[in-house]
Amino acid sequence: MRIGLSKEMDPVSVQNPFNWEIGRATGSSAGGEYNWGLQIPSTEIGIDPHPDNIVYDATMSSADVTFSVRQNSAGNGTIDPSHIVFKFNGVDAYGKAMDPAADEFSGFSAIA
């Protein structure tokens, strides 16, 4: 997932996987309700809460966030990709923390 950033960021902060959270959207987050609020099926697969790797590109003002999605052993796993939320808890180049009202992105909202 390539995430555009609106200002210069601290590269160490951006590339620290523990400054990122990946999860299901809640009704109060930018992504709306995960699975449109319907019961999550038993076949639903999970996503690791932190990315595998992050590459920060200061020239392009972006971060490439790599994460893993694993199929279940039955091969019938499901996931609602438009309601997955990527949240960044790091700092910019000046040490300023992210604004909690604008620190996450989901495919549903298409905004950060």
PDB file of N, CA and C in Angstrom:
ATOM      1  N   MET A   1       0.861  -1.147   0.000  1.00  0.00           N
ATOM      2  CA  MET A   1       0.000   0.000   0.000  1.00  0.00           C
ATOM      3  C   MET A   1       0.917   1.221   0.000  1.00  0.00           C
ATOM      4  N   ARG A   2       0.715   2.111  -0.947  1.00  0.00           N
ATOM      5  CA  ARG A   2       1.482   3.365  -0.960  1.00  0.00           C
ATOM      6  C   ARG A   2       0.600   4.441  -0.334  1.00  0.00           C
ATOM      7  N   ILE A   3       1.147   5.075   0.686  1.00  0.00           N
ATOM      8  CA  ILE A   3       0.412   6.116   1.401  1.00  0.00           C
ATOM      9  C   ILE A   3       1.125   7.445   1.183  1.00  0.00           C
ATOM     10  N   GLY A   4       0.391   8.411   0.661  1.00  0.00           N
ATOM     11  CA  GLY A   4       0.925   9.745   0.441  1.00  0.00           C
ATOM     12  C   GLY A   4       0.963  10.531   1.740  1.00  0.00           C
ATOM     13  N   LEU A   5       2.021  11.284   1.913  1.00  0.00           N
ATOM     14  CA  LEU A   5       2.201  12.085   3.128  1.00  0.00           C
ATOM     15  C   LEU A   5       2.241  13.562   2.738  1.00  0.00           C
ATOM     16  N   SER A   6       1.649  14.406   3.550  1.00  0.00           N
ATOM     17  CA  SER A   6       1.502  15.812   3.176  1.00  0.00           C
ATOM     18  C   SER A   6       2.661  16.701   3.610  1.00  0.00           C
ATOM     19  N   LYS A   7       3.620  16.141   4.336  1.00  0.00           N
ATOM     20  CA  LYS A   7       4.767  16.939   4.759  1.00  0.00           C
ATOM     21  C   LYS A   7       5.968  16.046   4.993  1.00  0.00           C
ATOM     22  N   GLU A   8       7.099  16.651   5.199  1.00  0.00           N
ATOM     23  CA  GLU A   8       8.328  15.897   5.443  1.00  0.00           C
ATOM     24  C   GLU A   8       8.211  15.156   6.766  1.00  0.00           C
ATOM     25  N   MET A   9       8.591  13.892   6.734  1.00  0.00           N
ATOM     26  CA  MET A   9       8.458  13.043   7.910  1.00  0.00           C
ATOM     27  C   MET A   9       9.827  12.627   8.432  1.00  0.00           C
ATOM     28  N   ASP A  10       9.852  12.168   9.679  1.00  0.00           N
ATOM     29  CA  ASP A  10      11.056  11.598  10.264  1.00  0.00           C
ATOM     30  C   ASP A  10      11.187  10.171   9.717  1.00  0.00           C
ATOM     31  N   PRO A  11      12.224   9.906   8.907  1.00  0.00           N
ATOM     32  CA  PRO A  11      12.342   8.577   8.279  1.00  0.00           C
ATOM     33  C   PRO A  11      12.356   7.419   9.279  1.00  0.00           C
ATOM     34  N   VAL A  12      13.037   7.580  10.391  1.00  0.00           N
ATOM     35  CA  VAL A  12      13.109   6.503  11.386  1.00  0.00           C
ATOM     36  C   VAL A  12      11.722   6.230  11.959  1.00  0.00           C
ATOM     37  N   SER A  13      10.969   7.278  12.206  1.00  0.00           N
ATOM     38  CA  SER A  13       9.627   7.130  12.743  1.00  0.00           C
ATOM     39  C   SER A  13       8.706   6.434  11.748  1.00  0.00           C
ATOM     40  N   VAL A  14       8.775   6.858  10.478  1.00  0.00           N
ATOM     41  CA  VAL A  14       7.914   6.266   9.456  1.00  0.00           C
ATOM     42  C   VAL A  14       8.258   4.800   9.242  1.00  0.00           C
ATOM     43  N   GLN A  15       9.516   4.453   9.251  1.00  0.00           N
ATOM     44  CA  GLN A  15       9.941   3.083   8.952  1.00  0.00           C
ATOM     45  C   GLN A  15       9.885   2.139  10.147  1.00  0.00           C
ATOM     46  N   ASN A  16       9.452   2.629  11.293  1.00  0.00           N
ATOM     47  CA  ASN A  16       9.281   1.778  12.474  1.00  0.00           C
ATOM     48  C   ASN A  16       7.910   1.104  12.396  1.00  0.00           C
ATOM     49  N   PRO A  17       7.861  -0.218  12.217  1.00  0.00           N
ATOM     50  CA  PRO A  17       6.565  -0.888  12.067  1.00  0.00           C
ATOM     51  C   PRO A  17       5.659  -0.752  13.282  1.00  0.00           C
ATOM     52  N   PHE A  18       6.221  -0.481  14.450  1.00  0.00           N
ATOM     53  CA  PHE A  18       5.394  -0.353  15.647  1.00  0.00           C
ATOM     54  C   PHE A  18       4.748   1.021  15.770  1.00  0.00           C
ATOM     55  N   ASN A  19       5.074   1.930  14.840  1.00  0.00           N
ATOM     56  CA  ASN A  19       4.367   3.209  14.758  1.00  0.00           C
ATOM     57  C   ASN A  19       3.142   3.114  13.852  1.00  0.00           C
ATOM     58  N   TRP A  20       2.913   1.939  13.293  1.00  0.00           N
ATOM     59  CA  TRP A  20       1.777   1.693  12.412  1.00  0.00           C
ATOM     60  C   TRP A  20       0.844   0.669  13.046  1.00  0.00           C
ATOM     61  N   GLU A  21      -0.454   0.846  12.819  1.00  0.00           N
ATOM     62  CA  GLU A  21      -1.456  -0.128  13.252  1.00  0.00           C
ATOM     63  C   GLU A  21      -2.333  -0.453  12.045  1.00  0.00           C
ATOM     64  N   ILE A  22      -2.580  -1.731  11.846  1.00  0.00           N
ATOM     65  CA  ILE A  22      -3.469  -2.166  10.773  1.00  0.00           C
ATOM     66  C   ILE A  22      -4.605  -2.939  11.429  1.00  0.00           C
ATOM     67  N   GLY A  23      -5.826  -2.569  11.126  1.00  0.00           N
ATOM     68  CA  GLY A  23      -6.941  -3.261  11.755  1.00  0.00           C
ATOM     69  C   GLY A  23      -8.254  -3.036  11.038  1.00  0.00           C
ATOM     70  N   ARG A  24      -9.290  -3.573  11.625  1.00  0.00           N
ATOM     71  CA  ARG A  24     -10.641  -3.418  11.095  1.00  0.00           C
ATOM     72  C   ARG A  24     -11.200  -2.065  11.509  1.00  0.00           C
ATOM     73  N   ALA A  25     -11.930  -1.461  10.599  1.00  0.00           N
ATOM     74  CA  ALA A  25     -12.571  -0.181  10.896  1.00  0.00           C
ATOM     75  C   ALA A  25     -13.698  -0.377  11.898  1.00  0.00           C
ATOM     76  N   THR A  26     -13.837   0.600  12.754  1.00  0.00           N
ATOM     77  CA  THR A  26     -14.980   0.642  13.669  1.00  0.00           C
ATOM     78  C   THR A  26     -15.933   1.708  13.147  1.00  0.00           C
ATOM     79  N   GLY A  27     -17.101   1.746  13.651  1.00  0.00           N
ATOM     80  CA  GLY A  27     -18.083   2.725  13.175  1.00  0.00           C
ATOM     81  C   GLY A  27     -17.621   4.153  13.331  1.00  0.00           C
ATOM     82  N   SER A  28     -16.731   4.414  14.277  1.00  0.00           N
ATOM     83  CA  SER A  28     -16.294   5.786  14.527  1.00  0.00           C
ATOM     84  C   SER A  28     -15.054   6.171  13.730  1.00  0.00           C
ATOM     85  N   SER A  29     -14.426   5.206  13.040  1.00  0.00           N
ATOM     86  CA  SER A  29     -13.217   5.523  12.291  1.00  0.00           C
ATOM     87  C   SER A  29     -13.564   5.973  10.877  1.00  0.00           C
ATOM     88  N   ALA A  30     -12.547   6.454  10.162  1.00  0.00           N
ATOM     89  CA  ALA A  30     -12.761   6.966   8.810  1.00  0.00           C
ATOM     90  C   ALA A  30     -13.284   5.905   7.860  1.00  0.00           C
ATOM     91  N   GLY A  31     -13.034   4.643   8.138  1.00  0.00           N
ATOM     92  CA  GLY A  31     -13.452   3.564   7.242  1.00  0.00           C
ATOM     93  C   GLY A  31     -14.864   3.078   7.442  1.00  0.00           C
ATOM     94  N   GLY A  32     -15.613   3.693   8.346  1.00  0.00           N
ATOM     95  CA  GLY A  32     -16.952   3.197   8.624  1.00  0.00           C
ATOM     96  C   GLY A  32     -16.884   1.873   9.365  1.00  0.00           C
ATOM     97  N   GLU A  33     -17.958   1.145   9.344  1.00  0.00           N
ATOM     98  CA  GLU A  33     -18.034  -0.119  10.067  1.00  0.00           C
ATOM     99  C   GLU A  33     -17.467  -1.247   9.222  1.00  0.00           C
ATOM    100  N   TYR A  34     -16.592  -2.068   9.798  1.00  0.00           N
ATOM    101  CA  TYR A  34     -16.030  -3.218   9.096  1.00  0.00           C
ATOM    102  C   TYR A  34     -17.146  -4.169   8.707  1.00  0.00           C
ATOM    103  N   ASN A  35     -17.096  -4.690   7.479  1.00  0.00           N
ATOM    104  CA  ASN A  35     -18.096  -5.625   6.955  1.00  0.00           C
ATOM    105  C   ASN A  35     -19.495  -5.015   7.030  1.00  0.00           C
ATOM    106  N   TRP A  36     -19.564  -3.691   6.920  1.00  0.00           N
ATOM    107  CA  TRP A  36     -20.821  -2.932   6.958  1.00  0.00           C
ATOM    108  C   TRP A  36     -21.638  -3.212   8.214  1.00  0.00           C
ATOM    109  N   GLY A  37     -20.950  -3.594   9.290  1.00  0.00           N
ATOM    110  CA  GLY A  37     -21.627  -3.852  10.553  1.00  0.00           C
ATOM    111  C   GLY A  37     -22.246  -5.230  10.668  1.00  0.00           C
ATOM    112  N   LEU A  38     -22.135  -6.030   9.622  1.00  0.00           N
ATOM    113  CA  LEU A  38     -22.662  -7.396   9.676  1.00  0.00           C
ATOM    114  C   LEU A  38     -21.749  -8.271  10.519  1.00  0.00           C
ATOM    115  N   GLN A  39     -22.265  -9.382  10.988  1.00  0.00           N
ATOM    116  CA  GLN A  39     -21.456 -10.305  11.774  1.00  0.00           C
ATOM    117  C   GLN A  39     -20.262 -10.754  10.943  1.00  0.00           C
ATOM    118  N   ILE A  40     -19.108 -10.822  11.567  1.00  0.00           N
ATOM    119  CA  ILE A  40     -17.902 -11.264  10.875  1.00  0.00           C
ATOM    120  C   ILE A  40     -17.985 -12.773  10.699  1.00  0.00           C
ATOM    121  N   PRO A  41     -17.865 -13.255   9.449  1.00  0.00           N
ATOM    122  CA  PRO A  41     -18.011 -14.687   9.203  1.00  0.00           C
ATOM    123  C   PRO A  41     -16.898 -15.514   9.841  1.00  0.00           C
ATOM    124  N   SER A  42     -17.185 -16.770  10.082  1.00  0.00           N
ATOM    125  CA  SER A  42     -16.195 -17.662  10.701  1.00  0.00           C
ATOM    126  C   SER A  42     -14.994 -17.880   9.788  1.00  0.00           C
ATOM    127  N   THR A  43     -15.150 -17.625   8.502  1.00  0.00           N
ATOM    128  CA  THR A  43     -14.048 -17.792   7.549  1.00  0.00           C
ATOM    129  C   THR A  43     -13.134 -16.563   7.504  1.00  0.00           C
ATOM    130  N   GLU A  44     -13.499 -15.517   8.211  1.00  0.00           N
ATOM    131  CA  GLU A  44     -12.733 -14.268   8.168  1.00  0.00           C
ATOM    132  C   GLU A  44     -11.283 -14.489   8.595  1.00  0.00           C
ATOM    133  N   ILE A  45     -10.369 -13.973   7.789  1.00  0.00           N
ATOM    134  CA  ILE A  45      -8.951 -14.075   8.135  1.00  0.00           C
ATOM    135  C   ILE A  45      -8.504 -12.796   8.824  1.00  0.00           C
ATOM    136  N   GLY A  46      -7.399 -12.880   9.493  1.00  0.00           N
ATOM    137  CA  GLY A  46      -6.869 -11.721  10.190  1.00  0.00           C
ATOM    138  C   GLY A  46      -5.673 -11.134   9.464  1.00  0.00           C
ATOM    139  N   ILE A  47      -5.324  -9.951   9.845  1.00  0.00           N
ATOM    140  CA  ILE A  47      -4.138  -9.270   9.323  1.00  0.00           C
ATOM    141  C   ILE A  47      -3.273  -8.934  10.528  1.00  0.00           C
ATOM    142  N   ASP A  48      -1.965  -9.102  10.369  1.00  0.00           N
ATOM    143  CA  ASP A  48      -1.064  -8.720  11.449  1.00  0.00           C
ATOM    144  C   ASP A  48      -1.274  -7.243  11.766  1.00  0.00           C
ATOM    145  N   PRO A  49      -1.238  -6.869  13.041  1.00  0.00           N
ATOM    146  CA  PRO A  49      -1.510  -5.478  13.410  1.00  0.00           C
ATOM    147  C   PRO A  49      -0.401  -4.495  13.032  1.00  0.00           C
ATOM    148  N   HIS A  50       0.756  -5.006  12.657  1.00  0.00           N
ATOM    149  CA  HIS A  50       1.870  -4.138  12.255  1.00  0.00           C
ATOM    150  C   HIS A  50       2.388  -4.602  10.898  1.00  0.00           C
ATOM    151  N   PRO A  51       2.852  -3.662  10.069  1.00  0.00           N
ATOM    152  CA  PRO A  51       3.343  -4.051   8.741  1.00  0.00           C
ATOM    153  C   PRO A  51       4.624  -4.871   8.805  1.00  0.00           C
ATOM    154  N   ASP A  52       4.907  -5.568   7.702  1.00  0.00           N
ATOM    155  CA  ASP A  52       6.147  -6.326   7.576  1.00  0.00           C
ATOM    156  C   ASP A  52       7.325  -5.401   7.294  1.00  0.00           C
ATOM    157  N   ASN A  53       7.067  -4.365   6.517  1.00  0.00           N
ATOM    158  CA  ASN A  53       8.142  -3.469   6.092  1.00  0.00           C
ATOM    159  C   ASN A  53       7.549  -2.131   5.657  1.00  0.00           C
ATOM    160  N   ILE A  54       8.304  -1.060   5.837  1.00  0.00           N
ATOM    161  CA  ILE A  54       7.906   0.266   5.379  1.00  0.00           C
ATOM    162  C   ILE A  54       9.110   0.923   4.728  1.00  0.00           C
ATOM    163  N   VAL A  55       8.915   1.477   3.544  1.00  0.00           N
ATOM    164  CA  VAL A  55       9.969   2.223   2.862  1.00  0.00           C
ATOM    165  C   VAL A  55       9.473   3.651   2.701  1.00  0.00           C
ATOM    166  N   TYR A  56      10.209   4.589   3.280  1.00  0.00           N
ATOM    167  CA  TYR A  56       9.853   6.006   3.191  1.00  0.00           C
ATOM    168  C   TYR A  56      10.598   6.633   2.024  1.00  0.00           C
ATOM    169  N   ASP A  57       9.879   7.342   1.173  1.00  0.00           N
ATOM    170  CA  ASP A  57      10.465   8.043   0.037  1.00  0.00           C
ATOM    171  C   ASP A  57      10.210   9.532   0.222  1.00  0.00           C
ATOM    172  N   ALA A  58      11.225  10.249   0.714  1.00  0.00           N
ATOM    173  CA  ALA A  58      11.080  11.685   0.978  1.00  0.00           C
ATOM    174  C   ALA A  58      10.842  12.473  -0.302  1.00  0.00           C
ATOM    175  N   THR A  59      11.439  12.025  -1.406  1.00  0.00           N
ATOM    176  CA  THR A  59      11.279  12.722  -2.681  1.00  0.00           C
ATOM    177  C   THR A  59       9.824  12.683  -3.156  1.00  0.00           C
ATOM    178  N   MET A  60       9.188  11.552  -3.004  1.00  0.00           N
ATOM    179  CA  MET A  60       7.793  11.374  -3.434  1.00  0.00           C
ATOM    180  C   MET A  60       6.790  11.656  -2.311  1.00  0.00           C
ATOM    181  N   SER A  61       7.278  11.961  -1.114  1.00  0.00           N
ATOM    182  CA  SER A  61       6.415  12.176   0.060  1.00  0.00           C
ATOM    183  C   SER A  61       5.442  11.013   0.233  1.00  0.00           C
ATOM    184  N   SER A  62       6.009   9.806   0.265  1.00  0.00           N
ATOM    185  CA  SER A  62       5.160   8.626   0.414  1.00  0.00           C
ATOM    186  C   SER A  62       5.841   7.557   1.251  1.00  0.00           C
ATOM    187  N   ALA A  63       5.020   6.652   1.725  1.00  0.00           N
ATOM    188  CA  ALA A  63       5.505   5.477   2.449  1.00  0.00           C
ATOM    189  C   ALA A  63       4.879   4.256   1.805  1.00  0.00           C
ATOM    190  N   ASP A  64       5.705   3.298   1.408  1.00  0.00           N
ATOM    191  CA  ASP A  64       5.219   2.018   0.900  1.00  0.00           C
ATOM    192  C   ASP A  64       5.143   1.062   2.075  1.00  0.00           C
ATOM    193  N   VAL A  65       3.935   0.691   2.442  1.00  0.00           N
ATOM    194  CA  VAL A  65       3.676  -0.151   3.608  1.00  0.00           C
ATOM    195  C   VAL A  65       3.351  -1.565   3.118  1.00  0.00           C
ATOM    196  N   THR A  66       4.216  -2.522   3.468  1.00  0.00           N
ATOM    197  CA  THR A  66       4.031  -3.912   3.061  1.00  0.00           C
ATOM    198  C   THR A  66       3.475  -4.692   4.245  1.00  0.00           C
ATOM    199  N   PHE A  67       2.394  -5.422   3.999  1.00  0.00           N
ATOM    200  CA  PHE A  67       1.783  -6.222   5.061  1.00  0.00           C
ATOM    201  C   PHE A  67       1.354  -7.556   4.485  1.00  0.00           C
ATOM    202  N   SER A  68       1.117  -8.516   5.351  1.00  0.00           N
ATOM    203  CA  SER A  68       0.770  -9.870   4.918  1.00  0.00           C
ATOM    204  C   SER A  68      -0.691 -10.181   5.189  1.00  0.00           C
ATOM    205  N   VAL A  69      -1.292 -10.834   4.219  1.00  0.00           N
ATOM    206  CA  VAL A  69      -2.629 -11.399   4.367  1.00  0.00           C
ATOM    207  C   VAL A  69      -2.469 -12.887   4.079  1.00  0.00           C
ATOM    208  N   ARG A  70      -2.891 -13.715   5.003  1.00  0.00           N
ATOM    209  CA  ARG A  70      -2.715 -15.155   4.847  1.00  0.00           C
ATOM    210  C   ARG A  70      -4.058 -15.854   4.712  1.00  0.00           C
ATOM    211  N   GLN A  71      -4.145 -16.716   3.724  1.00  0.00           N
ATOM    212  CA  GLN A  71      -5.348 -17.522   3.522  1.00  0.00           C
ATOM    213  C   GLN A  71      -5.427 -18.573   4.633  1.00  0.00           C
ATOM    214  N   ASN A  72      -6.638 -18.975   4.994  1.00  0.00           N
ATOM    215  CA  ASN A  72      -6.787 -20.031   6.004  1.00  0.00           C
ATOM    216  C   ASN A  72      -6.534 -21.395   5.366  1.00  0.00           C
ATOM    217  N   SER A  73      -6.429 -22.421   6.179  1.00  0.00           N
ATOM    218  CA  SER A  73      -6.073 -23.753   5.674  1.00  0.00           C
ATOM    219  C   SER A  73      -7.153 -24.358   4.778  1.00  0.00           C
ATOM    220  N   ALA A  74      -8.399 -23.938   4.949  1.00  0.00           N
ATOM    221  CA  ALA A  74      -9.479 -24.456   4.113  1.00  0.00           C
ATOM    222  C   ALA A  74      -9.519 -23.772   2.742  1.00  0.00           C
ATOM    223  N   GLY A  75      -8.810 -22.684   2.597  1.00  0.00           N
ATOM    224  CA  GLY A  75      -8.793 -21.972   1.323  1.00  0.00           C
ATOM    225  C   GLY A  75     -10.052 -21.178   1.035  1.00  0.00           C
ATOM    226  N   ASN A  76     -10.851 -20.903   2.063  1.00  0.00           N
ATOM    227  CA  ASN A  76     -12.098 -20.163   1.860  1.00  0.00           C
ATOM    228  C   ASN A  76     -12.143 -18.884   2.695  1.00  0.00           C
ATOM    229  N   GLY A  77     -10.976 -18.371   3.051  1.00  0.00           N
ATOM    230  CA  GLY A  77     -10.911 -17.176   3.881  1.00  0.00           C
ATOM    231  C   GLY A  77     -11.470 -15.950   3.182  1.00  0.00           C
ATOM    232  N   THR A  78     -12.081 -15.079   3.965  1.00  0.00           N
ATOM    233  CA  THR A  78     -12.641 -13.841   3.436  1.00  0.00           C
ATOM    234  C   THR A  78     -12.050 -12.655   4.188  1.00  0.00           C
ATOM    235  N   ILE A  79     -12.119 -11.491   3.542  1.00  0.00           N
ATOM    236  CA  ILE A  79     -11.657 -10.262   4.169  1.00  0.00           C
ATOM    237  C   ILE A  79     -12.373  -9.105   3.482  1.00  0.00           C
ATOM    238  N   ASP A  80     -12.613  -8.037   4.209  1.00  0.00           N
ATOM    239  CA  ASP A  80     -13.267  -6.842   3.680  1.00  0.00           C
ATOM    240  C   ASP A  80     -12.186  -5.779   3.479  1.00  0.00           C
ATOM    241  N   PRO A  81     -11.513  -5.767   2.320  1.00  0.00           N
ATOM    242  CA  PRO A  81     -10.355  -4.887   2.140  1.00  0.00           C
ATOM    243  C   PRO A  81     -10.684  -3.398   2.178  1.00  0.00           C
ATOM    244  N   SER A  82     -11.901  -3.020   1.834  1.00  0.00           N
ATOM    245  CA  SER A  82     -12.212  -1.595   1.819  1.00  0.00           C
ATOM    246  C   SER A  82     -12.392  -1.014   3.217  1.00  0.00           C
ATOM    247  N   HIS A  83     -12.484  -1.866   4.217  1.00  0.00           N
ATOM    248  CA  HIS A  83     -12.666  -1.382   5.584  1.00  0.00           C
ATOM    249  C   HIS A  83     -11.490  -1.732   6.492  1.00  0.00           C
ATOM    250  N   ILE A  84     -10.308  -1.896   5.894  1.00  0.00           N
ATOM    251  CA  ILE A  84      -9.090  -2.065   6.667  1.00  0.00           C
ATOM    252  C   ILE A  84      -8.503  -0.668   6.881  1.00  0.00           C
ATOM    253  N   VAL A  85      -8.079  -0.388   8.084  1.00  0.00           N
ATOM    254  CA  VAL A  85      -7.565   0.940   8.430  1.00  0.00           C
ATOM    255  C   VAL A  85      -6.072   0.863   8.717  1.00  0.00           C
ATOM    256  N   PHE A  86      -5.329   1.780   8.114  1.00  0.00           N
ATOM    257  CA  PHE A  86      -3.903   1.953   8.361  1.00  0.00           C
ATOM    258  C   PHE A  86      -3.755   3.215   9.187  1.00  0.00           C
ATOM    259  N   LYS A  87      -3.185   3.093  10.369  1.00  0.00           N
ATOM    260  CA  LYS A  87      -3.034   4.232  11.284  1.00  0.00           C
ATOM    261  C   LYS A  87      -1.551   4.440  11.565  1.00  0.00           C
ATOM    262  N   PHE A  88      -1.109   5.696  11.502  1.00  0.00           N
ATOM    263  CA  PHE A  88       0.293   6.027  11.758  1.00  0.00           C
ATOM    264  C   PHE A  88       0.399   6.867  13.022  1.00  0.00           C
ATOM    265  N   ASN A  89       1.242   6.418  13.961  1.00  0.00           N
ATOM    266  CA  ASN A  89       1.406   7.094  15.245  1.00  0.00           C
ATOM    267  C   ASN A  89       2.784   7.723  15.411  1.00  0.00           C
ATOM    268  N   GLY A  90       3.482   7.989  14.312  1.00  0.00           N
ATOM    269  CA  GLY A  90       4.837   8.528  14.389  1.00  0.00           C
ATOM    270  C   GLY A  90       4.866  10.048  14.403  1.00  0.00           C
ATOM    271  N   VAL A  91       6.020  10.576  14.004  1.00  0.00           N
ATOM    272  CA  VAL A  91       6.226  12.027  14.035  1.00  0.00           C
ATOM    273  C   VAL A  91       6.755  12.526  12.690  1.00  0.00           C
ATOM    274  N   ASP A  92       6.601  13.830  12.473  1.00  0.00           N
ATOM    275  CA  ASP A  92       7.131  14.436  11.255  1.00  0.00           C
ATOM    276  C   ASP A  92       8.603  14.794  11.453  1.00  0.00           C
ATOM    277  N   ALA A  93       9.191  15.456  10.470  1.00  0.00           N
ATOM    278  CA  ALA A  93      10.621  15.781  10.501  1.00  0.00           C
ATOM    279  C   ALA A  93      10.992  16.707  11.648  1.00  0.00           C
ATOM    280  N   TYR A  94      10.012  17.388  12.223  1.00  0.00           N
ATOM    281  CA  TYR A  94      10.263  18.331  13.318  1.00  0.00           C
ATOM    282  C   TYR A  94       9.882  17.756  14.678  1.00  0.00           C
ATOM    283  N   GLY A  95       9.532  16.469  14.711  1.00  0.00           N
ATOM    284  CA  GLY A  95       9.188  15.815  15.971  1.00  0.00           C
ATOM    285  C   GLY A  95       7.746  16.005  16.393  1.00  0.00           C
ATOM    286  N   LYS A  96       6.924  16.598  15.540  1.00  0.00           N
ATOM    287  CA  LYS A  96       5.521  16.832  15.881  1.00  0.00           C
ATOM    288  C   LYS A  96       4.707  15.566  15.617  1.00  0.00           C
ATOM    289  N   ALA A  97       3.906  15.181  16.604  1.00  0.00           N
ATOM    290  CA  ALA A  97       3.071  13.987  16.496  1.00  0.00           C
ATOM    291  C   ALA A  97       1.945  14.200  15.496  1.00  0.00           C
ATOM    292  N   MET A  98       1.446  13.104  14.977  1.00  0.00           N
ATOM    293  CA  MET A  98       0.338  13.149  14.030  1.00  0.00           C
ATOM    294  C   MET A  98      -0.923  13.684  14.702  1.00  0.00           C
ATOM    295  N   ASP A  99      -1.739  14.373  13.935  1.00  0.00           N
ATOM    296  CA  ASP A  99      -3.035  14.857  14.403  1.00  0.00           C
ATOM    297  C   ASP A  99      -3.964  13.648  14.523  1.00  0.00           C
ATOM    298  N   PRO A 100      -4.501  13.354  15.695  1.00  0.00           N
ATOM    299  CA  PRO A 100      -5.361  12.182  15.868  1.00  0.00           C
ATOM    300  C   PRO A 100      -6.605  12.194  14.974  1.00  0.00           C
ATOM    301  N   ALA A 101      -6.988  13.356  14.478  1.00  0.00           N
ATOM    302  CA  ALA A 101      -8.150  13.443  13.595  1.00  0.00           C
ATOM    303  C   ALA A 101      -7.777  13.144  12.139  1.00  0.00           C
ATOM    304  N   ALA A 102      -6.478  12.988  11.853  1.00  0.00           N
ATOM    305  CA  ALA A 102      -6.050  12.776  10.463  1.00  0.00           C
ATOM    306  C   ALA A 102      -4.841  11.845  10.401  1.00  0.00           C
ATOM    307  N   ASP A 103      -4.874  10.763  11.170  1.00  0.00           N
ATOM    308  CA  ASP A 103      -3.713   9.873  11.247  1.00  0.00           C
ATOM    309  C   ASP A 103      -3.979   8.474  10.711  1.00  0.00           C
ATOM    310  N   GLU A 104      -5.090   8.306   9.958  1.00  0.00           N
ATOM    311  CA  GLU A 104      -5.392   6.980   9.438  1.00  0.00           C
ATOM    312  C   GLU A 104      -5.979   7.056   8.040  1.00  0.00           C
ATOM    313  N   PHE A 105      -5.881   5.905   7.350  1.00  0.00           N
ATOM    314  CA  PHE A 105      -6.381   5.789   5.982  1.00  0.00           C
ATOM    315  C   PHE A 105      -7.098   4.467   5.821  1.00  0.00           C
ATOM    316  N   SER A 106      -8.198   4.477   5.100  1.00  0.00           N
ATOM    317  CA  SER A 106      -8.871   3.238   4.733  1.00  0.00           C
ATOM    318  C   SER A 106      -9.293   3.326   3.279  1.00  0.00           C
ATOM    319  N   GLY A 107      -9.449   2.194   2.635  1.00  0.00           N
ATOM    320  CA  GLY A 107      -9.877   2.167   1.247  1.00  0.00           C
ATOM    321  C   GLY A 107     -11.284   2.707   1.075  1.00  0.00           C
ATOM    322  N   PHE A 108     -12.117   2.569   2.089  1.00  0.00           N
ATOM    323  CA  PHE A 108     -13.492   3.041   2.010  1.00  0.00           C
ATOM    324  C   PHE A 108     -13.537   4.557   1.991  1.00  0.00           C
ATOM    325  N   SER A 109     -12.778   5.166   2.887  1.00  0.00           N
ATOM    326  CA  SER A 109     -12.794   6.627   2.991  1.00  0.00           C
ATOM    327  C   SER A 109     -11.983   7.270   1.891  1.00  0.00           C
ATOM    328  N   ALA A 110     -10.914   6.569   1.451  1.00  0.00           N
ATOM    329  CA  ALA A 110      -9.988   7.089   0.442  1.00  0.00           C
ATOM    330  C   ALA A 110      -9.386   8.420   0.841  1.00  0.00           C
ATOM    331  N   ILE A 111      -9.409   8.708   2.138  1.00  0.00           N
ATOM    332  CA  ILE A 111      -8.780   9.916   2.658  1.00  0.00           C
ATOM    333  C   ILE A 111      -7.948   9.565   3.872  1.00  0.00           C
ATOM    334  N   ALA A 112      -6.986  10.399   4.171  1.00  0.00           N
ATOM    335  CA  ALA A 112      -6.177  10.187   5.366  1.00  0.00           C
ATOM    336  C   ALA A 112      -6.597  11.190   6.419  1.00  0.00           C
TER     337      ALA A 112
END
